[in-house]
Amino acid sequence: MNPWLQALDMAGAALVFTGAAICLLGVIGMLRLPDVLSRSHAATKPQTLGMLLVLAGVALRLRSGMDLATLALIGFFQLMTGPVAAHLVARSAYRTGQIDHSELLFDELDAQLTEEE
């Protein structure tokens, strides 16, 4: 086997392992953090980075055009849907009163909600 292909396979395996470890840290953060805002942060930041690293590692291993296009679409939709879903969860938690307002440094949403009423 070509040494360059072996190096690509090893780099792909390292990226998959690193991405999986980052995703595991995000899951641990979701279980251990105390409030909704901290958990939504742990649900999006490490999960998105971990997923992209896993996809990059898989792309280094597969190396075909159709597979790379599919992985690019998966990465695009992951980047678009994960943070938006976490934002909607955090906003609904704010609106239902599940947020401790003393912990917030800035509360820009309070001014917007009082103007609507």
N, C-alpha and C. Protein backbone atom coordinates (compact mmCIF):
# COMPACT_ATOMS: atom_id res chain seq x y z
N MET A 1 0.84 -1.18 0.00
CA MET A 1 0.00 0.00 0.00
C MET A 1 0.89 1.24 0.00
N ASN A 2 0.40 2.25 -0.65
CA ASN A 2 1.12 3.51 -0.77
C ASN A 2 1.31 4.15 0.61
N PRO A 3 2.51 4.64 0.92
CA PRO A 3 2.71 5.28 2.23
C PRO A 3 1.87 6.54 2.43
N TRP A 4 1.56 7.24 1.34
CA TRP A 4 0.71 8.44 1.48
C TRP A 4 -0.71 8.06 1.87
N LEU A 5 -1.20 6.97 1.32
CA LEU A 5 -2.54 6.51 1.68
C LEU A 5 -2.58 6.03 3.13
N GLN A 6 -1.50 5.39 3.56
CA GLN A 6 -1.43 4.98 4.97
C GLN A 6 -1.40 6.21 5.89
N ALA A 7 -0.68 7.25 5.48
CA ALA A 7 -0.63 8.48 6.29
C ALA A 7 -2.01 9.14 6.33
N LEU A 8 -2.72 9.14 5.19
CA LEU A 8 -4.08 9.70 5.19
C LEU A 8 -5.01 8.90 6.08
N ASP A 9 -4.88 7.57 6.05
CA ASP A 9 -5.71 6.73 6.92
C ASP A 9 -5.41 6.98 8.40
N MET A 10 -4.15 7.14 8.73
CA MET A 10 -3.78 7.41 10.13
C MET A 10 -4.29 8.79 10.56
N ALA A 11 -4.17 9.79 9.68
CA ALA A 11 -4.69 11.12 10.01
C ALA A 11 -6.21 11.08 10.16
N GLY A 12 -6.87 10.32 9.30
CA GLY A 12 -8.32 10.17 9.41
C GLY A 12 -8.73 9.51 10.72
N ALA A 13 -7.98 8.48 11.11
CA ALA A 13 -8.28 7.81 12.38
C ALA A 13 -8.06 8.74 13.56
N ALA A 14 -7.00 9.56 13.48
CA ALA A 14 -6.74 10.52 14.57
C ALA A 14 -7.85 11.56 14.65
N LEU A 15 -8.33 12.03 13.49
CA LEU A 15 -9.42 13.01 13.49
C LEU A 15 -10.71 12.41 14.03
N VAL A 16 -11.01 11.18 13.65
CA VAL A 16 -12.22 10.52 14.16
C VAL A 16 -12.13 10.33 15.67
N PHE A 17 -10.99 9.90 16.16
CA PHE A 17 -10.81 9.72 17.60
C PHE A 17 -10.92 11.04 18.34
N THR A 18 -10.28 12.10 17.82
CA THR A 18 -10.34 13.41 18.46
C THR A 18 -11.76 13.95 18.46
N GLY A 19 -12.45 13.82 17.33
CA GLY A 19 -13.84 14.28 17.26
C GLY A 19 -14.74 13.53 18.22
N ALA A 20 -14.54 12.22 18.33
CA ALA A 20 -15.35 11.44 19.27
C ALA A 20 -15.07 11.84 20.71
N ALA A 21 -13.81 12.14 21.02
CA ALA A 21 -13.46 12.58 22.38
C ALA A 21 -14.09 13.93 22.69
N ILE A 22 -14.11 14.83 21.73
CA ILE A 22 -14.73 16.14 21.95
C ILE A 22 -16.24 15.99 22.12
N CYS A 23 -16.86 15.12 21.33
CA CYS A 23 -18.29 14.85 21.50
C CYS A 23 -18.58 14.26 22.87
N LEU A 24 -17.71 13.38 23.35
CA LEU A 24 -17.88 12.81 24.68
C LEU A 24 -17.79 13.89 25.75
N LEU A 25 -16.87 14.82 25.60
CA LEU A 25 -16.79 15.94 26.55
C LEU A 25 -18.05 16.79 26.53
N GLY A 26 -18.64 16.98 25.36
CA GLY A 26 -19.91 17.71 25.28
C GLY A 26 -21.03 17.00 26.00
N VAL A 27 -21.09 15.69 25.87
CA VAL A 27 -22.12 14.91 26.55
C VAL A 27 -21.92 14.96 28.06
N ILE A 28 -20.68 14.87 28.50
CA ILE A 28 -20.40 14.98 29.94
C ILE A 28 -20.81 16.36 30.44
N GLY A 29 -20.55 17.40 29.65
CA GLY A 29 -20.98 18.74 30.03
C GLY A 29 -22.49 18.87 30.11
N MET A 30 -23.19 18.21 29.19
CA MET A 30 -24.66 18.26 29.23
C MET A 30 -25.20 17.57 30.48
N LEU A 31 -24.52 16.55 30.94
CA LEU A 31 -24.97 15.85 32.13
C LEU A 31 -24.58 16.55 33.43
N ARG A 32 -23.45 17.23 33.43
CA ARG A 32 -22.91 17.78 34.67
C ARG A 32 -23.24 19.25 34.92
N LEU A 33 -23.49 20.03 33.87
CA LEU A 33 -23.71 21.47 34.07
C LEU A 33 -25.07 21.73 34.68
N PRO A 34 -25.19 22.82 35.46
CA PRO A 34 -26.38 23.00 36.30
C PRO A 34 -27.62 23.57 35.62
N ASP A 35 -27.48 24.46 34.65
CA ASP A 35 -28.67 25.14 34.14
C ASP A 35 -28.82 24.97 32.64
N VAL A 36 -29.94 25.45 32.13
CA VAL A 36 -30.30 25.25 30.73
C VAL A 36 -29.32 25.96 29.80
N LEU A 37 -28.91 27.16 30.12
CA LEU A 37 -28.02 27.90 29.24
C LEU A 37 -26.64 27.24 29.14
N SER A 38 -26.12 26.76 30.24
CA SER A 38 -24.84 26.07 30.21
C SER A 38 -24.94 24.75 29.45
N ARG A 39 -26.05 24.06 29.63
CA ARG A 39 -26.23 22.79 28.92
C ARG A 39 -26.40 23.00 27.43
N SER A 40 -27.10 24.08 27.05
CA SER A 40 -27.25 24.33 25.61
C SER A 40 -25.91 24.70 24.99
N HIS A 41 -25.05 25.37 25.75
CA HIS A 41 -23.71 25.66 25.26
C HIS A 41 -22.92 24.37 25.07
N ALA A 42 -23.02 23.47 26.03
CA ALA A 42 -22.32 22.19 25.93
C ALA A 42 -22.91 21.31 24.84
N ALA A 43 -24.17 21.54 24.51
CA ALA A 43 -24.80 20.73 23.47
C ALA A 43 -24.40 21.16 22.07
N THR A 44 -24.00 22.41 21.90
CA THR A 44 -23.74 22.89 20.55
C THR A 44 -22.26 23.03 20.22
N LYS A 45 -21.50 23.69 21.05
CA LYS A 45 -20.11 23.99 20.70
C LYS A 45 -19.26 22.73 20.52
N PRO A 46 -19.13 21.88 21.54
CA PRO A 46 -18.29 20.71 21.33
C PRO A 46 -18.89 19.71 20.35
N GLN A 47 -20.21 19.59 20.33
CA GLN A 47 -20.83 18.62 19.44
C GLN A 47 -20.60 18.99 17.99
N THR A 48 -20.71 20.28 17.66
CA THR A 48 -20.50 20.71 16.29
C THR A 48 -19.05 20.52 15.87
N LEU A 49 -18.12 20.92 16.71
CA LEU A 49 -16.70 20.74 16.39
C LEU A 49 -16.35 19.26 16.30
N GLY A 50 -16.85 18.47 17.23
CA GLY A 50 -16.58 17.03 17.21
C GLY A 50 -17.14 16.36 15.97
N MET A 51 -18.35 16.74 15.58
CA MET A 51 -18.96 16.16 14.38
C MET A 51 -18.15 16.53 13.14
N LEU A 52 -17.70 17.77 13.05
CA LEU A 52 -16.91 18.18 11.89
C LEU A 52 -15.58 17.45 11.84
N LEU A 53 -14.96 17.23 12.98
CA LEU A 53 -13.70 16.46 13.00
C LEU A 53 -13.94 15.01 12.58
N VAL A 54 -15.02 14.42 13.05
CA VAL A 54 -15.34 13.05 12.65
C VAL A 54 -15.59 12.99 11.14
N LEU A 55 -16.33 13.96 10.62
CA LEU A 55 -16.60 13.98 9.18
C LEU A 55 -15.32 14.17 8.38
N ALA A 56 -14.41 15.01 8.86
CA ALA A 56 -13.13 15.20 8.17
C ALA A 56 -12.31 13.92 8.19
N GLY A 57 -12.32 13.21 9.31
CA GLY A 57 -11.61 11.94 9.38
C GLY A 57 -12.19 10.89 8.45
N VAL A 58 -13.51 10.84 8.38
CA VAL A 58 -14.16 9.89 7.47
C VAL A 58 -13.87 10.27 6.02
N ALA A 59 -13.85 11.58 5.73
CA ALA A 59 -13.55 12.03 4.38
C ALA A 59 -12.14 11.64 3.96
N LEU A 60 -11.18 11.69 4.89
CA LEU A 60 -9.83 11.26 4.56
C LEU A 60 -9.76 9.76 4.29
N ARG A 61 -10.64 9.02 4.89
CA ARG A 61 -10.64 7.56 4.69
C ARG A 61 -11.37 7.17 3.41
N LEU A 62 -12.49 7.82 3.08
CA LEU A 62 -13.29 7.39 1.94
C LEU A 62 -12.73 7.86 0.60
N ARG A 63 -12.46 9.14 0.46
CA ARG A 63 -11.78 9.73 -0.69
C ARG A 63 -12.50 9.56 -2.02
N SER A 64 -13.81 9.41 -2.07
CA SER A 64 -14.51 9.39 -3.35
C SER A 64 -15.41 10.61 -3.44
N GLY A 65 -15.69 11.02 -4.66
CA GLY A 65 -16.42 12.26 -4.88
C GLY A 65 -17.81 12.28 -4.27
N MET A 66 -18.57 11.22 -4.48
CA MET A 66 -19.94 11.18 -3.96
C MET A 66 -19.95 11.13 -2.44
N ASP A 67 -19.02 10.39 -1.86
CA ASP A 67 -18.93 10.33 -0.40
C ASP A 67 -18.55 11.68 0.19
N LEU A 68 -17.62 12.38 -0.46
CA LEU A 68 -17.22 13.69 0.04
C LEU A 68 -18.36 14.70 -0.06
N ALA A 69 -19.15 14.62 -1.15
CA ALA A 69 -20.30 15.51 -1.28
C ALA A 69 -21.34 15.23 -0.19
N THR A 70 -21.56 13.96 0.11
CA THR A 70 -22.51 13.59 1.17
C THR A 70 -22.02 14.08 2.53
N LEU A 71 -20.72 13.91 2.79
CA LEU A 71 -20.17 14.38 4.06
C LEU A 71 -20.23 15.90 4.17
N ALA A 72 -20.02 16.60 3.06
CA ALA A 72 -20.13 18.06 3.07
C ALA A 72 -21.56 18.50 3.39
N LEU A 73 -22.54 17.80 2.83
CA LEU A 73 -23.94 18.12 3.15
C LEU A 73 -24.26 17.85 4.61
N ILE A 74 -23.75 16.75 5.14
CA ILE A 74 -23.96 16.44 6.55
C ILE A 74 -23.36 17.53 7.43
N GLY A 75 -22.14 17.96 7.11
CA GLY A 75 -21.50 19.03 7.87
C GLY A 75 -22.26 20.34 7.77
N PHE A 76 -22.74 20.67 6.58
CA PHE A 76 -23.50 21.91 6.39
C PHE A 76 -24.77 21.90 7.24
N PHE A 77 -25.52 20.82 7.17
CA PHE A 77 -26.76 20.77 7.93
C PHE A 77 -26.51 20.70 9.43
N GLN A 78 -25.42 20.10 9.84
CA GLN A 78 -25.05 20.09 11.26
C GLN A 78 -24.76 21.51 11.73
N LEU A 79 -24.03 22.26 10.92
CA LEU A 79 -23.70 23.64 11.29
C LEU A 79 -24.94 24.53 11.31
N MET A 80 -25.92 24.23 10.48
CA MET A 80 -27.12 25.07 10.41
C MET A 80 -28.16 24.72 11.47
N THR A 81 -28.32 23.46 11.79
CA THR A 81 -29.43 23.07 12.66
C THR A 81 -29.07 23.00 14.14
N GLY A 82 -27.87 22.58 14.49
CA GLY A 82 -27.51 22.41 15.90
C GLY A 82 -27.57 23.70 16.71
N PRO A 83 -26.87 24.74 16.31
CA PRO A 83 -26.92 25.99 17.07
C PRO A 83 -28.29 26.65 17.07
N VAL A 84 -29.03 26.53 15.97
CA VAL A 84 -30.37 27.13 15.91
C VAL A 84 -31.30 26.42 16.89
N ALA A 85 -31.23 25.11 16.95
CA ALA A 85 -32.07 24.36 17.89
C ALA A 85 -31.72 24.71 19.33
N ALA A 86 -30.43 24.84 19.64
CA ALA A 86 -30.03 25.21 21.00
C ALA A 86 -30.49 26.61 21.35
N HIS A 87 -30.45 27.52 20.37
CA HIS A 87 -30.94 28.87 20.61
C HIS A 87 -32.43 28.86 20.92
N LEU A 88 -33.20 28.08 20.18
CA LEU A 88 -34.64 28.01 20.43
C LEU A 88 -34.95 27.38 21.79
N VAL A 89 -34.18 26.39 22.19
CA VAL A 89 -34.38 25.79 23.52
C VAL A 89 -34.07 26.81 24.61
N ALA A 90 -32.97 27.55 24.45
CA ALA A 90 -32.59 28.54 25.46
C ALA A 90 -33.62 29.67 25.52
N ARG A 91 -34.11 30.09 24.39
CA ARG A 91 -35.11 31.17 24.38
C ARG A 91 -36.43 30.72 25.00
N SER A 92 -36.85 29.49 24.72
CA SER A 92 -38.08 29.01 25.34
C SER A 92 -37.89 28.81 26.84
N ALA A 93 -36.70 28.40 27.28
CA ALA A 93 -36.44 28.29 28.71
C ALA A 93 -36.48 29.67 29.36
N TYR A 94 -35.99 30.68 28.68
CA TYR A 94 -36.05 32.05 29.20
C TYR A 94 -37.50 32.50 29.33
N ARG A 95 -38.28 32.26 28.30
CA ARG A 95 -39.68 32.72 28.30
C ARG A 95 -40.54 32.00 29.33
N THR A 96 -40.19 30.77 29.67
CA THR A 96 -40.98 30.03 30.65
C THR A 96 -40.46 30.21 32.08
N GLY A 97 -39.43 31.03 32.26
CA GLY A 97 -38.95 31.35 33.59
C GLY A 97 -38.02 30.33 34.20
N GLN A 98 -37.35 29.54 33.40
CA GLN A 98 -36.44 28.53 33.92
C GLN A 98 -35.00 29.02 33.99
N ILE A 99 -34.79 30.32 33.77
CA ILE A 99 -33.46 30.92 33.78
C ILE A 99 -33.31 31.74 35.06
N ASP A 100 -32.17 31.58 35.73
CA ASP A 100 -31.87 32.38 36.91
C ASP A 100 -31.31 33.72 36.43
N HIS A 101 -32.09 34.78 36.55
CA HIS A 101 -31.70 36.09 36.01
C HIS A 101 -30.52 36.70 36.75
N SER A 102 -30.25 36.28 37.97
CA SER A 102 -29.11 36.83 38.69
C SER A 102 -27.78 36.34 38.11
N GLU A 103 -27.80 35.23 37.39
CA GLU A 103 -26.59 34.68 36.79
C GLU A 103 -26.23 35.33 35.45
N LEU A 104 -27.16 36.08 34.85
CA LEU A 104 -26.92 36.68 33.54
C LEU A 104 -26.10 37.96 33.68
N LEU A 105 -25.11 38.12 32.84
CA LEU A 105 -24.34 39.37 32.81
C LEU A 105 -25.11 40.46 32.08
N PHE A 106 -25.68 40.12 30.94
CA PHE A 106 -26.50 41.03 30.15
C PHE A 106 -27.83 40.36 29.88
N ASP A 107 -28.90 41.12 29.98
CA ASP A 107 -30.23 40.59 29.71
C ASP A 107 -30.90 41.46 28.66
N GLU A 108 -30.48 41.30 27.41
CA GLU A 108 -31.03 42.11 26.33
C GLU A 108 -32.42 41.65 25.93
N LEU A 109 -32.75 40.42 26.21
CA LEU A 109 -34.06 39.91 25.82
C LEU A 109 -35.18 40.46 26.69
N ASP A 110 -34.87 40.85 27.93
CA ASP A 110 -35.89 41.39 28.81
C ASP A 110 -36.47 42.68 28.25
N ALA A 111 -35.63 43.54 27.71
CA ALA A 111 -36.12 44.80 27.11
C ALA A 111 -36.99 44.52 25.89
N GLN A 112 -36.64 43.53 25.10
CA GLN A 112 -37.42 43.19 23.92
C GLN A 112 -38.78 42.60 24.30
N LEU A 113 -38.81 41.79 25.34
CA LEU A 113 -40.08 41.17 25.74
C LEU A 113 -41.00 42.16 26.40
N THR A 114 -40.47 43.13 27.13
CA THR A 114 -41.34 44.12 27.76
C THR A 114 -41.90 45.10 26.75
N GLU A 115 -41.20 45.33 25.64
CA GLU A 115 -41.73 46.20 24.58
C GLU A 115 -42.86 45.55 23.85
N GLU A 116 -42.86 44.20 23.72
CA GLU A 116 -43.90 43.51 23.00
C GLU A 116 -45.23 43.56 23.73
N GLU A 117 -45.20 43.58 25.03
CA GLU A 117 -46.45 43.50 25.81
C GLU A 117 -47.13 44.83 25.93
